[in-house]
Structure formats: structure tokens, C-alpha cells
């Protein structure tokens, strides 16, 4: 059973981090008109590497918990870790808000597509494992 969970652990961690990134982007969009708000971005590759190294090769929920441990318990689940960076802004604004709505919308759509792709990969992997466990006469 551990081998089955290990096979899906990486994708489960990626899915958890994609959800966190989606929340972060949504927060940036929601604060587009907040004076002085500094847009944030997640270094996804770094966060995933940190989550997979914390899991120590363990399968199951331990790996998923490691992805959550990459962040603290602030309202969005995102803290002041090295994985979160201030987004570069393309143009200065009078109110010092650095949210670029065009960039945020594009990031939101891109992350949504990648989230969906990860879900499909997990679904196909589970389906393949279930098919492999069926006896030949269950066809």
C-alpha cells in the first residue's frame, strides 16, 4: 500500500501548492484597489522542492502535510517564507499598489489549467492502479 501512496505523493503535494497559489493570486486580485498593497507571488518550484524534501520520501498524508507546512497559519495559509516573493510591478502607481490585474488574471488562468492537469494526472494514475489490481476475469 505504501508504494501506491508514494506514487501519488508528489502530485498530491503539487495539487496542494497549486491551491495555495490560486488563493494567493485571488488575494492579489481582491486587493487591486487597496492603497499600498504589495502583490505577492509564490516561487512554486522552490515550494514544491521544500515540500518534497520535508516529506522525506514518506507516502500518503505525511507528504501532503509537508506541503501545508511550507506555509504558516496566516489567513491565506501563506506566510513570510522564502517561497513567497513580492511580485514585480510593471508600472508605479500613485497609491503604491503593485497589483497588475492583467498579469494576475493570466497567472490565475495558467495556474487553474495546471491545477486541472494535476487532477487529471492523479485521476488517470488511480484508474491505472485500479485496473492493474483487477483480476483478469473482472474485465
C-alpha atoms as a PDB file:
ATOM      1  CA  UNK A   1       0.000   0.000   0.000  1.00  0.00           C
ATOM      2  CA  UNK A   2       2.879   2.346   0.746  1.00  0.00           C
ATOM      3  CA  UNK A   3       4.105   2.042  -2.845  1.00  0.00           C
ATOM      4  CA  UNK A   4       0.713   3.194  -4.103  1.00  0.00           C
ATOM      5  CA  UNK A   5       0.705   6.264  -1.893  1.00  0.00           C
ATOM      6  CA  UNK A   6       4.297   7.113  -2.802  1.00  0.00           C
ATOM      7  CA  UNK A   7       3.354   7.057  -6.462  1.00  0.00           C
ATOM      8  CA  UNK A   8       0.767   9.786  -5.869  1.00  0.00           C
ATOM      9  CA  UNK A   9       2.568  11.767  -3.153  1.00  0.00           C
ATOM     10  CA  UNK A  10       4.380  14.170  -5.465  1.00  0.00           C
ATOM     11  CA  UNK A  11       1.199  15.016  -7.374  1.00  0.00           C
ATOM     12  CA  UNK A  12      -0.751  15.472  -4.128  1.00  0.00           C
ATOM     13  CA  UNK A  13       1.851  17.949  -2.902  1.00  0.00           C
ATOM     14  CA  UNK A  14       1.778  19.786  -6.224  1.00  0.00           C
ATOM     15  CA  UNK A  15      -2.018  19.955  -6.062  1.00  0.00           C
ATOM     16  CA  UNK A  16      -1.939  21.387  -2.538  1.00  0.00           C
ATOM     17  CA  UNK A  17       0.590  24.027  -3.547  1.00  0.00           C
ATOM     18  CA  UNK A  18      -1.389  24.904  -6.691  1.00  0.00           C
ATOM     19  CA  UNK A  19      -4.434  25.524  -4.490  1.00  0.00           C
ATOM     20  CA  UNK A  20      -2.359  27.762  -2.200  1.00  0.00           C
ATOM     21  CA  UNK A  21      -1.031  29.667  -5.199  1.00  0.00           C
ATOM     22  CA  UNK A  22      -4.570  30.133  -6.514  1.00  0.00           C
ATOM     23  CA  UNK A  23      -5.589  31.637  -3.158  1.00  0.00           C
ATOM     24  CA  UNK A  24      -2.592  33.955  -3.247  1.00  0.00           C
ATOM     25  CA  UNK A  25      -3.405  35.193  -6.750  1.00  0.00           C
ATOM     26  CA  UNK A  26      -7.058  35.667  -5.768  1.00  0.00           C
ATOM     27  CA  UNK A  27      -5.897  37.737  -2.793  1.00  0.00           C
ATOM     28  CA  UNK A  28      -3.815  39.919  -5.095  1.00  0.00           C
ATOM     29  CA  UNK A  29      -6.805  40.455  -7.394  1.00  0.00           C
ATOM     30  CA  UNK A  30      -9.086  41.229  -4.451  1.00  0.00           C
ATOM     31  CA  UNK A  31      -6.646  43.870  -3.206  1.00  0.00           C
ATOM     32  CA  UNK A  32      -6.105  45.532  -6.578  1.00  0.00           C
ATOM     33  CA  UNK A  33      -7.635  48.768  -5.266  1.00  0.00           C
ATOM     34  CA  UNK A  34      -6.090  48.683  -1.785  1.00  0.00           C
ATOM     35  CA  UNK A  35      -3.628  51.573  -1.379  1.00  0.00           C
ATOM     36  CA  UNK A  36      -0.118  50.397  -0.568  1.00  0.00           C
ATOM     37  CA  UNK A  37      -0.877  46.698  -1.138  1.00  0.00           C
ATOM     38  CA  UNK A  38       2.187  44.804  -2.299  1.00  0.00           C
ATOM     39  CA  UNK A  39       1.327  41.950  -4.677  1.00  0.00           C
ATOM     40  CA  UNK A  40       2.819  38.602  -3.675  1.00  0.00           C
ATOM     41  CA  UNK A  41       3.839  35.619  -5.753  1.00  0.00           C
ATOM     42  CA  UNK A  42       4.851  32.089  -4.852  1.00  0.00           C
ATOM     43  CA  UNK A  43       8.074  30.560  -6.065  1.00  0.00           C
ATOM     44  CA  UNK A  44       6.274  27.332  -6.950  1.00  0.00           C
ATOM     45  CA  UNK A  45       9.366  25.299  -7.828  1.00  0.00           C
ATOM     46  CA  UNK A  46      11.044  26.215  -4.558  1.00  0.00           C
ATOM     47  CA  UNK A  47       7.878  25.492  -2.539  1.00  0.00           C
ATOM     48  CA  UNK A  48       7.471  22.094  -4.194  1.00  0.00           C
ATOM     49  CA  UNK A  49      11.116  21.225  -3.620  1.00  0.00           C
ATOM     50  CA  UNK A  50      10.767  22.220   0.041  1.00  0.00           C
ATOM     51  CA  UNK A  51       7.567  20.188   0.442  1.00  0.00           C
ATOM     52  CA  UNK A  52       9.043  17.081  -1.172  1.00  0.00           C
ATOM     53  CA  UNK A  53      12.236  17.311   0.870  1.00  0.00           C
ATOM     54  CA  UNK A  54      10.215  17.630   4.097  1.00  0.00           C
ATOM     55  CA  UNK A  55       8.213  14.529   3.240  1.00  0.00           C
ATOM     56  CA  UNK A  56      11.429  12.530   3.302  1.00  0.00           C
ATOM     57  CA  UNK A  57      10.096  10.049   0.787  1.00  0.00           C
ATOM     58  CA  UNK A  58       7.155   9.154   3.008  1.00  0.00           C
ATOM     59  CA  UNK A  59       3.905   8.388   1.273  1.00  0.00           C
ATOM     60  CA  UNK A  60       0.339   9.314   1.955  1.00  0.00           C
ATOM     61  CA  UNK A  61      -0.837  12.223   4.028  1.00  0.00           C
ATOM     62  CA  UNK A  62       2.581  12.865   5.538  1.00  0.00           C
ATOM     63  CA  UNK A  63       3.717  14.308   2.219  1.00  0.00           C
ATOM     64  CA  UNK A  64       0.580  16.394   1.826  1.00  0.00           C
ATOM     65  CA  UNK A  65       1.088  17.746   5.333  1.00  0.00           C
ATOM     66  CA  UNK A  66       4.612  18.742   4.362  1.00  0.00           C
ATOM     67  CA  UNK A  67       3.192  20.869   1.565  1.00  0.00           C
ATOM     68  CA  UNK A  68       0.950  22.617   4.099  1.00  0.00           C
ATOM     69  CA  UNK A  69       3.917  23.021   6.460  1.00  0.00           C
ATOM     70  CA  UNK A  70       5.641  25.158   3.835  1.00  0.00           C
ATOM     71  CA  UNK A  71       3.269  27.911   4.983  1.00  0.00           C
ATOM     72  CA  UNK A  72       2.198  29.226   8.353  1.00  0.00           C
ATOM     73  CA  UNK A  73      -1.334  29.717   9.641  1.00  0.00           C
ATOM     74  CA  UNK A  74      -1.965  33.253   8.415  1.00  0.00           C
ATOM     75  CA  UNK A  75      -5.445  33.815   6.929  1.00  0.00           C
ATOM     76  CA  UNK A  76      -4.485  32.564   3.477  1.00  0.00           C
ATOM     77  CA  UNK A  77      -2.199  29.880   4.824  1.00  0.00           C
ATOM     78  CA  UNK A  78       0.694  31.814   3.359  1.00  0.00           C
ATOM     79  CA  UNK A  79       3.430  33.256   5.492  1.00  0.00           C
ATOM     80  CA  UNK A  80       6.688  35.108   5.116  1.00  0.00           C
ATOM     81  CA  UNK A  81       8.683  32.181   3.766  1.00  0.00           C
ATOM     82  CA  UNK A  82      11.331  32.203   1.098  1.00  0.00           C
ATOM     83  CA  UNK A  83       8.733  30.726  -1.282  1.00  0.00           C
ATOM     84  CA  UNK A  84       6.722  33.954  -1.242  1.00  0.00           C
ATOM     85  CA  UNK A  85       8.157  36.903  -3.047  1.00  0.00           C
ATOM     86  CA  UNK A  86       6.931  40.354  -3.906  1.00  0.00           C
ATOM     87  CA  UNK A  87       5.676  40.399  -7.471  1.00  0.00           C
ATOM     88  CA  UNK A  88       7.482  42.725  -9.832  1.00  0.00           C
ATOM     89  CA  UNK A  89       5.303  45.595 -10.873  1.00  0.00           C
ATOM     90  CA  UNK A  90       5.449  46.963 -14.373  1.00  0.00           C
ATOM     91  CA  UNK A  91       4.369  50.495 -13.599  1.00  0.00           C
ATOM     92  CA  UNK A  92       4.435  52.665 -10.489  1.00  0.00           C
ATOM     93  CA  UNK A  93       1.080  53.804  -9.186  1.00  0.00           C
ATOM     94  CA  UNK A  94       0.196  56.825  -7.124  1.00  0.00           C
ATOM     95  CA  UNK A  95      -1.156  54.746  -4.235  1.00  0.00           C
ATOM     96  CA  UNK A  96       1.892  52.377  -4.259  1.00  0.00           C
ATOM     97  CA  UNK A  97      -0.292  49.356  -5.072  1.00  0.00           C
ATOM     98  CA  UNK A  98       1.743  46.851  -7.127  1.00  0.00           C
ATOM     99  CA  UNK A  99      -1.068  44.601  -8.378  1.00  0.00           C
ATOM    100  CA  UNK A 100      -1.050  44.278 -12.167  1.00  0.00           C
ATOM    101  CA  UNK A 101      -4.519  42.942 -12.940  1.00  0.00           C
ATOM    102  CA  UNK A 102      -3.588  41.698 -16.405  1.00  0.00           C
ATOM    103  CA  UNK A 103      -0.668  39.701 -15.046  1.00  0.00           C
ATOM    104  CA  UNK A 104      -2.741  38.381 -12.125  1.00  0.00           C
ATOM    105  CA  UNK A 105      -5.591  37.271 -14.382  1.00  0.00           C
ATOM    106  CA  UNK A 106      -3.148  35.486 -16.686  1.00  0.00           C
ATOM    107  CA  UNK A 107      -1.460  33.812 -13.700  1.00  0.00           C
ATOM    108  CA  UNK A 108      -4.846  32.796 -12.313  1.00  0.00           C
ATOM    109  CA  UNK A 109      -5.847  31.172 -15.604  1.00  0.00           C
ATOM    110  CA  UNK A 110      -2.452  29.485 -16.059  1.00  0.00           C
ATOM    111  CA  UNK A 111      -2.453  28.112 -12.520  1.00  0.00           C
ATOM    112  CA  UNK A 112      -6.047  26.906 -12.955  1.00  0.00           C
ATOM    113  CA  UNK A 113      -5.084  24.948 -16.072  1.00  0.00           C
ATOM    114  CA  UNK A 114      -2.115  23.399 -14.270  1.00  0.00           C
ATOM    115  CA  UNK A 115      -4.322  22.543 -11.276  1.00  0.00           C
ATOM    116  CA  UNK A 116      -6.771  20.786 -13.590  1.00  0.00           C
ATOM    117  CA  UNK A 117      -3.929  18.935 -15.324  1.00  0.00           C
ATOM    118  CA  UNK A 118      -2.629  17.710 -11.969  1.00  0.00           C
ATOM    119  CA  UNK A 119      -6.122  16.491 -11.040  1.00  0.00           C
ATOM    120  CA  UNK A 120      -6.394  14.613 -14.326  1.00  0.00           C
ATOM    121  CA  UNK A 121      -2.965  13.064 -13.826  1.00  0.00           C
ATOM    122  CA  UNK A 122      -3.937  11.857 -10.353  1.00  0.00           C
ATOM    123  CA  UNK A 123      -7.250  10.529 -11.675  1.00  0.00           C
ATOM    124  CA  UNK A 124      -5.534   8.640 -14.507  1.00  0.00           C
ATOM    125  CA  UNK A 125      -2.891   7.240 -12.156  1.00  0.00           C
ATOM    126  CA  UNK A 126      -5.536   5.970  -9.736  1.00  0.00           C
ATOM    127  CA  UNK A 127      -7.529   4.485 -12.603  1.00  0.00           C
ATOM    128  CA  UNK A 128      -4.407   2.725 -13.926  1.00  0.00           C
ATOM    129  CA  UNK A 129      -3.594   1.345 -10.477  1.00  0.00           C
ATOM    130  CA  UNK A 130      -7.150   0.089 -10.017  1.00  0.00           C
ATOM    131  CA  UNK A 131      -7.074  -1.571 -13.438  1.00  0.00           C
ATOM    132  CA  UNK A 132      -3.758  -3.235 -12.565  1.00  0.00           C
ATOM    133  CA  UNK A 133      -5.253  -4.625  -9.329  1.00  0.00           C
ATOM    134  CA  UNK A 134      -8.255  -6.189 -11.047  1.00  0.00           C
ATOM    135  CA  UNK A 135      -8.149  -9.889 -11.690  1.00  0.00           C
ATOM    136  CA  UNK A 136      -8.159 -10.952 -15.367  1.00  0.00           C
ATOM    137  CA  UNK A 137     -11.728 -12.273 -15.177  1.00  0.00           C
ATOM    138  CA  UNK A 138     -13.129  -8.930 -13.911  1.00  0.00           C
ATOM    139  CA  UNK A 139     -12.509  -7.389 -17.353  1.00  0.00           C
END
